[in-house]
Amino acid sequence: MVSGSCELPAQRTPLADAAETGLKIVVVGGFGVGKTTLVRSVSEIRPLNTEEVMTQAGVGVDETSGVDGKTTTTVAFDFGRISLTERIVLYLFGAPGQERFWFLWDRLFSGTLGAVVLVDTRRMDDSWYAIDRLEHHGTPFVVAVNRFDDDGHHSLDEIRQALALPEHVPMVDCDARVRNSSKNVLITLVDHLRTMAIARETTP
């Protein structure tokens, strides 16, 4: 679904000696929404991925409308890493999007501090399951709208209404192919988690 080249790290980046806090983040969303692309574009190490070539075996099983040009698919998860500061490191797990792999999600959510729900407005219904599972687990999340070349006519307010998202859930636009854009999504999530933690501490 995502066209264009990703910004990949030039080389493997060793973990800083000062790093003391590792946070597990999961990127979820529908099939072909750009989860692998986001992890790949933002990871400071060469990301681990479990992409396999799509075959005729998936015909009639995987819903591919709107992603007709997609030739590979994640069958387990993607993994990447990004250092936000010298002390805070995010470990990124990209969940598989096809319905037949959803049984893996609950295991991926184990120990997760927060999540990113990646949305494609052309296949917005695919976001419902991700949001439902995160709310079921009580996992804080932000919503990132992956804008494509032919997208942009839906405002964030319109998308929030369509997804019935409460106001306290942050929403941002992004381009999963661009490192700085993807990094901004993760910063938004970390800020959201920090705000929630402060609110808990100040609540009698």
C-alpha atoms as a PDB file:
ATOM      1  CA  MET A   1       0.000   0.000   0.000  1.00  0.00           C
ATOM      2  CA  VAL A   2       2.769   2.427   0.842  1.00  0.00           C
ATOM      3  CA  SER A   3       4.727   3.645  -2.129  1.00  0.00           C
ATOM      4  CA  GLY A   4       7.991   5.499  -2.245  1.00  0.00           C
ATOM      5  CA  SER A   5      11.289   4.709  -0.596  1.00  0.00           C
ATOM      6  CA  CYS A   6      11.725   4.618   3.167  1.00  0.00           C
ATOM      7  CA  GLU A   7      14.432   6.463   5.038  1.00  0.00           C
ATOM      8  CA  LEU A   8      16.556   3.645   6.426  1.00  0.00           C
ATOM      9  CA  PRO A   9      19.328   3.982   9.023  1.00  0.00           C
ATOM     10  CA  ALA A  10      22.731   4.053   7.339  1.00  0.00           C
ATOM     11  CA  GLN A  11      24.190   1.528   9.774  1.00  0.00           C
ATOM     12  CA  ARG A  12      23.477  -0.415  12.936  1.00  0.00           C
ATOM     13  CA  THR A  13      23.377   1.877  15.956  1.00  0.00           C
ATOM     14  CA  PRO A  14      24.660   0.446  19.250  1.00  0.00           C
ATOM     15  CA  LEU A  15      22.534   0.974  22.336  1.00  0.00           C
ATOM     16  CA  ALA A  16      23.867   3.847  24.422  1.00  0.00           C
ATOM     17  CA  ASP A  17      25.491   2.954  27.744  1.00  0.00           C
ATOM     18  CA  ALA A  18      23.290   5.574  29.427  1.00  0.00           C
ATOM     19  CA  ALA A  19      20.055   3.845  28.390  1.00  0.00           C
ATOM     20  CA  GLU A  20      18.152   2.743  31.474  1.00  0.00           C
ATOM     21  CA  THR A  21      14.470   2.663  30.496  1.00  0.00           C
ATOM     22  CA  GLY A  22      13.157   0.395  27.745  1.00  0.00           C
ATOM     23  CA  LEU A  23       9.540   0.908  26.725  1.00  0.00           C
ATOM     24  CA  LYS A  24       7.610  -1.610  24.649  1.00  0.00           C
ATOM     25  CA  ILE A  25       5.374  -0.028  22.001  1.00  0.00           C
ATOM     26  CA  VAL A  26       3.094  -1.890  19.593  1.00  0.00           C
ATOM     27  CA  VAL A  27       2.024  -0.553  16.191  1.00  0.00           C
ATOM     28  CA  VAL A  28      -1.340  -1.981  15.136  1.00  0.00           C
ATOM     29  CA  GLY A  29      -3.849  -1.420  12.364  1.00  0.00           C
ATOM     30  CA  GLY A  30      -5.430  -3.007   9.339  1.00  0.00           C
ATOM     31  CA  PHE A  31      -3.816  -5.039   6.599  1.00  0.00           C
ATOM     32  CA  GLY A  32      -1.504  -2.960   4.408  1.00  0.00           C
ATOM     33  CA  VAL A  33      -1.890   0.246   6.409  1.00  0.00           C
ATOM     34  CA  GLY A  34       1.877   0.830   6.696  1.00  0.00           C
ATOM     35  CA  LYS A  35       2.930  -0.715  10.013  1.00  0.00           C
ATOM     36  CA  THR A  36       6.025  -2.410   8.600  1.00  0.00           C
ATOM     37  CA  THR A  37       6.904   0.791   6.757  1.00  0.00           C
ATOM     38  CA  LEU A  38       6.664   2.879   9.943  1.00  0.00           C
ATOM     39  CA  VAL A  39       8.868   0.511  11.954  1.00  0.00           C
ATOM     40  CA  ARG A  40      11.350   0.318   9.092  1.00  0.00           C
ATOM     41  CA  SER A  41      11.525   4.086   8.575  1.00  0.00           C
ATOM     42  CA  VAL A  42      12.029   5.032  12.216  1.00  0.00           C
ATOM     43  CA  SER A  43      14.186   2.186  13.576  1.00  0.00           C
ATOM     44  CA  GLU A  44      17.794   3.068  14.335  1.00  0.00           C
ATOM     45  CA  ILE A  45      18.787  -0.567  13.834  1.00  0.00           C
ATOM     46  CA  ARG A  46      18.149  -2.800  10.874  1.00  0.00           C
ATOM     47  CA  PRO A  47      14.602  -3.920  11.684  1.00  0.00           C
ATOM     48  CA  LEU A  48      13.603  -7.526  12.064  1.00  0.00           C
ATOM     49  CA  ASN A  49      10.621  -8.358   9.892  1.00  0.00           C
ATOM     50  CA  THR A  50       8.697 -11.476   9.005  1.00  0.00           C
ATOM     51  CA  GLU A  51       7.406 -10.452   5.610  1.00  0.00           C
ATOM     52  CA  GLU A  52       6.544 -13.205   3.179  1.00  0.00           C
ATOM     53  CA  VAL A  53       5.471 -13.070  -0.450  1.00  0.00           C
ATOM     54  CA  MET A  54       1.700 -13.206  -0.865  1.00  0.00           C
ATOM     55  CA  THR A  55       0.528 -16.255  -2.797  1.00  0.00           C
ATOM     56  CA  GLN A  56      -2.667 -17.656  -4.242  1.00  0.00           C
ATOM     57  CA  ALA A  57      -3.290 -19.348  -0.886  1.00  0.00           C
ATOM     58  CA  GLY A  58      -4.417 -16.003   0.504  1.00  0.00           C
ATOM     59  CA  VAL A  59      -6.957 -15.333  -2.239  1.00  0.00           C
ATOM     60  CA  GLY A  60     -10.423 -15.217  -0.718  1.00  0.00           C
ATOM     61  CA  VAL A  61      -8.918 -15.212   2.775  1.00  0.00           C
ATOM     62  CA  ASP A  62      -7.131 -11.861   3.018  1.00  0.00           C
ATOM     63  CA  GLU A  63      -9.161  -8.755   2.221  1.00  0.00           C
ATOM     64  CA  THR A  64      -6.965  -6.933  -0.320  1.00  0.00           C
ATOM     65  CA  SER A  65      -9.316  -4.292  -1.700  1.00  0.00           C
ATOM     66  CA  GLY A  66      -7.481  -0.980  -1.756  1.00  0.00           C
ATOM     67  CA  VAL A  67      -4.075  -2.677  -1.504  1.00  0.00           C
ATOM     68  CA  ASP A  68      -4.053  -4.444  -4.849  1.00  0.00           C
ATOM     69  CA  GLY A  69      -0.375  -3.645  -5.443  1.00  0.00           C
ATOM     70  CA  LYS A  70       0.801  -5.208  -2.190  1.00  0.00           C
ATOM     71  CA  THR A  71       3.015  -8.265  -2.786  1.00  0.00           C
ATOM     72  CA  THR A  72       4.304  -9.102   0.713  1.00  0.00           C
ATOM     73  CA  THR A  73       2.698  -9.441   4.137  1.00  0.00           C
ATOM     74  CA  THR A  74       3.812  -9.689   7.766  1.00  0.00           C
ATOM     75  CA  VAL A  75       3.121 -13.160   9.191  1.00  0.00           C
ATOM     76  CA  ALA A  76       4.374 -12.679  12.775  1.00  0.00           C
ATOM     77  CA  PHE A  77       5.635  -9.222  13.753  1.00  0.00           C
ATOM     78  CA  ASP A  78       8.135  -6.491  12.945  1.00  0.00           C
ATOM     79  CA  PHE A  79      10.711  -5.320  15.467  1.00  0.00           C
ATOM     80  CA  GLY A  80      12.731  -2.124  15.632  1.00  0.00           C
ATOM     81  CA  ARG A  81      14.342   0.205  18.157  1.00  0.00           C
ATOM     82  CA  ILE A  82      14.632   3.954  18.567  1.00  0.00           C
ATOM     83  CA  SER A  83      16.339   6.009  21.288  1.00  0.00           C
ATOM     84  CA  LEU A  84      14.222   9.038  22.204  1.00  0.00           C
ATOM     85  CA  THR A  85      16.783  10.301  24.718  1.00  0.00           C
ATOM     86  CA  GLU A  86      20.057   8.996  26.132  1.00  0.00           C
ATOM     87  CA  ARG A  87      18.045   7.186  28.799  1.00  0.00           C
ATOM     88  CA  ILE A  88      14.736   6.270  27.109  1.00  0.00           C
ATOM     89  CA  VAL A  89      14.607   3.608  24.416  1.00  0.00           C
ATOM     90  CA  LEU A  90      11.492   2.445  22.585  1.00  0.00           C
ATOM     91  CA  TYR A  91      11.222  -1.146  21.401  1.00  0.00           C
ATOM     92  CA  LEU A  92       8.768  -1.255  18.515  1.00  0.00           C
ATOM     93  CA  PHE A  93       6.635  -4.238  17.583  1.00  0.00           C
ATOM     94  CA  GLY A  94       4.545  -4.085  14.424  1.00  0.00           C
ATOM     95  CA  ALA A  95       1.540  -6.420  14.574  1.00  0.00           C
ATOM     96  CA  PRO A  96       0.325  -8.407  11.550  1.00  0.00           C
ATOM     97  CA  GLY A  97      -2.773  -6.911   9.974  1.00  0.00           C
ATOM     98  CA  GLN A  98      -4.652  -9.859   8.471  1.00  0.00           C
ATOM     99  CA  GLU A  99      -7.574 -11.219  10.437  1.00  0.00           C
ATOM    100  CA  ARG A 100      -6.126 -14.753  10.405  1.00  0.00           C
ATOM    101  CA  PHE A 101      -3.137 -13.517  12.454  1.00  0.00           C
ATOM    102  CA  TRP A 102      -5.112 -11.498  15.017  1.00  0.00           C
ATOM    103  CA  PHE A 103      -4.696 -14.295  17.570  1.00  0.00           C
ATOM    104  CA  LEU A 104      -1.076 -13.079  17.958  1.00  0.00           C
ATOM    105  CA  TRP A 105      -2.120  -9.625  19.094  1.00  0.00           C
ATOM    106  CA  ASP A 106      -2.963 -10.432  22.710  1.00  0.00           C
ATOM    107  CA  ARG A 107       0.510 -11.906  23.188  1.00  0.00           C
ATOM    108  CA  LEU A 108       2.129  -8.860  21.587  1.00  0.00           C
ATOM    109  CA  PHE A 109       0.150  -6.595  23.924  1.00  0.00           C
ATOM    110  CA  SER A 110       1.649  -8.316  26.982  1.00  0.00           C
ATOM    111  CA  GLY A 111       3.951  -5.852  28.754  1.00  0.00           C
ATOM    112  CA  THR A 112       3.121  -3.072  26.320  1.00  0.00           C
ATOM    113  CA  LEU A 113       3.211   0.437  27.740  1.00  0.00           C
ATOM    114  CA  GLY A 114       1.313   2.016  24.845  1.00  0.00           C
ATOM    115  CA  ALA A 115       0.344   1.600  21.224  1.00  0.00           C
ATOM    116  CA  VAL A 116      -0.019   3.385  17.918  1.00  0.00           C
ATOM    117  CA  VAL A 117      -3.119   2.670  15.837  1.00  0.00           C
ATOM    118  CA  LEU A 118      -2.227   3.367  12.216  1.00  0.00           C
ATOM    119  CA  VAL A 119      -5.227   4.357  10.090  1.00  0.00           C
ATOM    120  CA  ASP A 120      -5.811   4.494   6.345  1.00  0.00           C
ATOM    121  CA  THR A 121      -8.951   6.534   5.607  1.00  0.00           C
ATOM    122  CA  ARG A 122      -9.633   4.380   2.544  1.00  0.00           C
ATOM    123  CA  ARG A 123     -10.045   1.338   4.799  1.00  0.00           C
ATOM    124  CA  MET A 124     -11.141   2.930   8.046  1.00  0.00           C
ATOM    125  CA  ASP A 125     -13.247  -0.042   9.158  1.00  0.00           C
ATOM    126  CA  ASP A 126     -10.015  -2.040   9.529  1.00  0.00           C
ATOM    127  CA  SER A 127      -9.151   0.125  12.565  1.00  0.00           C
ATOM    128  CA  TRP A 128     -12.080  -1.000  14.686  1.00  0.00           C
ATOM    129  CA  TYR A 129     -10.585  -4.290  15.858  1.00  0.00           C
ATOM    130  CA  ALA A 130      -7.300  -2.671  16.895  1.00  0.00           C
ATOM    131  CA  ILE A 131      -9.055   0.023  18.915  1.00  0.00           C
ATOM    132  CA  ASP A 132     -11.392  -2.531  20.496  1.00  0.00           C
ATOM    133  CA  ARG A 133      -8.551  -4.823  21.621  1.00  0.00           C
ATOM    134  CA  LEU A 134      -6.513  -1.950  23.058  1.00  0.00           C
ATOM    135  CA  GLU A 135      -9.498  -0.659  25.005  1.00  0.00           C
ATOM    136  CA  HIS A 136     -10.180  -4.213  26.214  1.00  0.00           C
ATOM    137  CA  HIS A 137      -6.627  -4.484  27.555  1.00  0.00           C
ATOM    138  CA  GLY A 138      -6.680  -0.940  28.973  1.00  0.00           C
ATOM    139  CA  THR A 139      -3.662  -0.034  26.839  1.00  0.00           C
ATOM    140  CA  PRO A 140      -3.173   3.706  26.183  1.00  0.00           C
ATOM    141  CA  PHE A 141      -2.862   4.564  22.505  1.00  0.00           C
ATOM    142  CA  VAL A 142      -2.681   7.330  19.944  1.00  0.00           C
ATOM    143  CA  VAL A 143      -4.122   7.301  16.444  1.00  0.00           C
ATOM    144  CA  ALA A 144      -1.894   8.182  13.490  1.00  0.00           C
ATOM    145  CA  VAL A 145      -3.502   8.771  10.101  1.00  0.00           C
ATOM    146  CA  ASN A 146      -1.097   7.552   7.433  1.00  0.00           C
ATOM    147  CA  ARG A 147      -1.604  10.077   4.658  1.00  0.00           C
ATOM    148  CA  PHE A 148      -1.021   8.805   1.139  1.00  0.00           C
ATOM    149  CA  ASP A 149      -0.636  10.751  -2.086  1.00  0.00           C
ATOM    150  CA  ASP A 150      -4.324  10.394  -2.890  1.00  0.00           C
ATOM    151  CA  ASP A 151      -5.540  11.090   0.638  1.00  0.00           C
ATOM    152  CA  GLY A 152      -6.093  14.238   2.670  1.00  0.00           C
ATOM    153  CA  HIS A 153      -9.713  15.164   2.122  1.00  0.00           C
ATOM    154  CA  HIS A 154     -10.764  13.848   5.551  1.00  0.00           C
ATOM    155  CA  SER A 155      -9.907  16.095   8.489  1.00  0.00           C
ATOM    156  CA  LEU A 156      -8.731  14.692  11.822  1.00  0.00           C
ATOM    157  CA  ASP A 157     -11.997  15.825  13.417  1.00  0.00           C
ATOM    158  CA  GLU A 158     -13.987  13.897  10.812  1.00  0.00           C
ATOM    159  CA  ILE A 159     -11.869  10.800  11.359  1.00  0.00           C
ATOM    160  CA  ARG A 160     -12.257  11.109  15.143  1.00  0.00           C
ATOM    161  CA  GLN A 161     -16.030  11.193  14.745  1.00  0.00           C
ATOM    162  CA  ALA A 162     -16.013   8.238  12.351  1.00  0.00           C
ATOM    163  CA  LEU A 163     -13.987   6.166  14.827  1.00  0.00           C
ATOM    164  CA  ALA A 164     -15.997   7.436  17.834  1.00  0.00           C
ATOM    165  CA  LEU A 165     -12.762   8.344  19.602  1.00  0.00           C
ATOM    166  CA  PRO A 166     -12.949  10.329  22.857  1.00  0.00           C
ATOM    167  CA  GLU A 167     -11.216  13.691  22.950  1.00  0.00           C
ATOM    168  CA  HIS A 168      -8.452  12.523  25.281  1.00  0.00           C
ATOM    169  CA  VAL A 169      -7.036  10.147  22.622  1.00  0.00           C
ATOM    170  CA  PRO A 170      -4.396  12.075  20.611  1.00  0.00           C
ATOM    171  CA  MET A 171      -4.606  12.031  16.809  1.00  0.00           C
ATOM    172  CA  VAL A 172      -1.881  13.059  14.377  1.00  0.00           C
ATOM    173  CA  ASP A 173      -1.231  12.995  10.646  1.00  0.00           C
ATOM    174  CA  CYS A 174       1.832  11.145   9.460  1.00  0.00           C
ATOM    175  CA  ASP A 175       3.655   9.711   6.473  1.00  0.00           C
ATOM    176  CA  ALA A 176       4.974   6.311   7.544  1.00  0.00           C
ATOM    177  CA  ARG A 177       7.654   6.484   4.850  1.00  0.00           C
ATOM    178  CA  VAL A 178       9.341   9.494   6.457  1.00  0.00           C
ATOM    179  CA  ARG A 179      11.507   9.013   9.539  1.00  0.00           C
ATOM    180  CA  ASN A 180      10.812  12.391  11.170  1.00  0.00           C
ATOM    181  CA  SER A 181       7.073  11.994  10.649  1.00  0.00           C
ATOM    182  CA  SER A 182       7.058   8.517  12.185  1.00  0.00           C
ATOM    183  CA  LYS A 183       9.249   9.705  15.046  1.00  0.00           C
ATOM    184  CA  ASN A 184       6.754  12.497  15.761  1.00  0.00           C
ATOM    185  CA  VAL A 185       4.034   9.848  16.156  1.00  0.00           C
ATOM    186  CA  LEU A 186       6.111   8.053  18.799  1.00  0.00           C
ATOM    187  CA  ILE A 187       6.900  11.308  20.607  1.00  0.00           C
ATOM    188  CA  THR A 188       3.160  12.055  20.674  1.00  0.00           C
ATOM    189  CA  LEU A 189       2.555   8.673  22.287  1.00  0.00           C
ATOM    190  CA  VAL A 190       5.290   9.150  24.897  1.00  0.00           C
ATOM    191  CA  ASP A 191       3.925  12.611  25.755  1.00  0.00           C
ATOM    192  CA  HIS A 192       0.461  11.074  26.110  1.00  0.00           C
ATOM    193  CA  LEU A 193       1.786   8.387  28.451  1.00  0.00           C
ATOM    194  CA  ARG A 194       3.619  11.002  30.520  1.00  0.00           C
ATOM    195  CA  THR A 195       0.466  13.129  30.811  1.00  0.00           C
ATOM    196  CA  MET A 196      -1.521  10.112  31.967  1.00  0.00           C
ATOM    197  CA  ALA A 197       1.126   9.206  34.541  1.00  0.00           C
ATOM    198  CA  ILE A 198       1.135  12.754  35.963  1.00  0.00           C
ATOM    199  CA  ALA A 199      -2.663  12.733  36.139  1.00  0.00           C
ATOM    200  CA  ARG A 200      -2.605   9.476  38.112  1.00  0.00           C
ATOM    201  CA  GLU A 201      -0.051  10.874  40.543  1.00  0.00           C
ATOM    202  CA  THR A 202      -2.080  14.035  41.203  1.00  0.00           C
ATOM    203  CA  THR A 203      -5.433  12.273  41.569  1.00  0.00           C
ATOM    204  CA  PRO A 204      -6.355  11.858  45.250  1.00  0.00           C
END
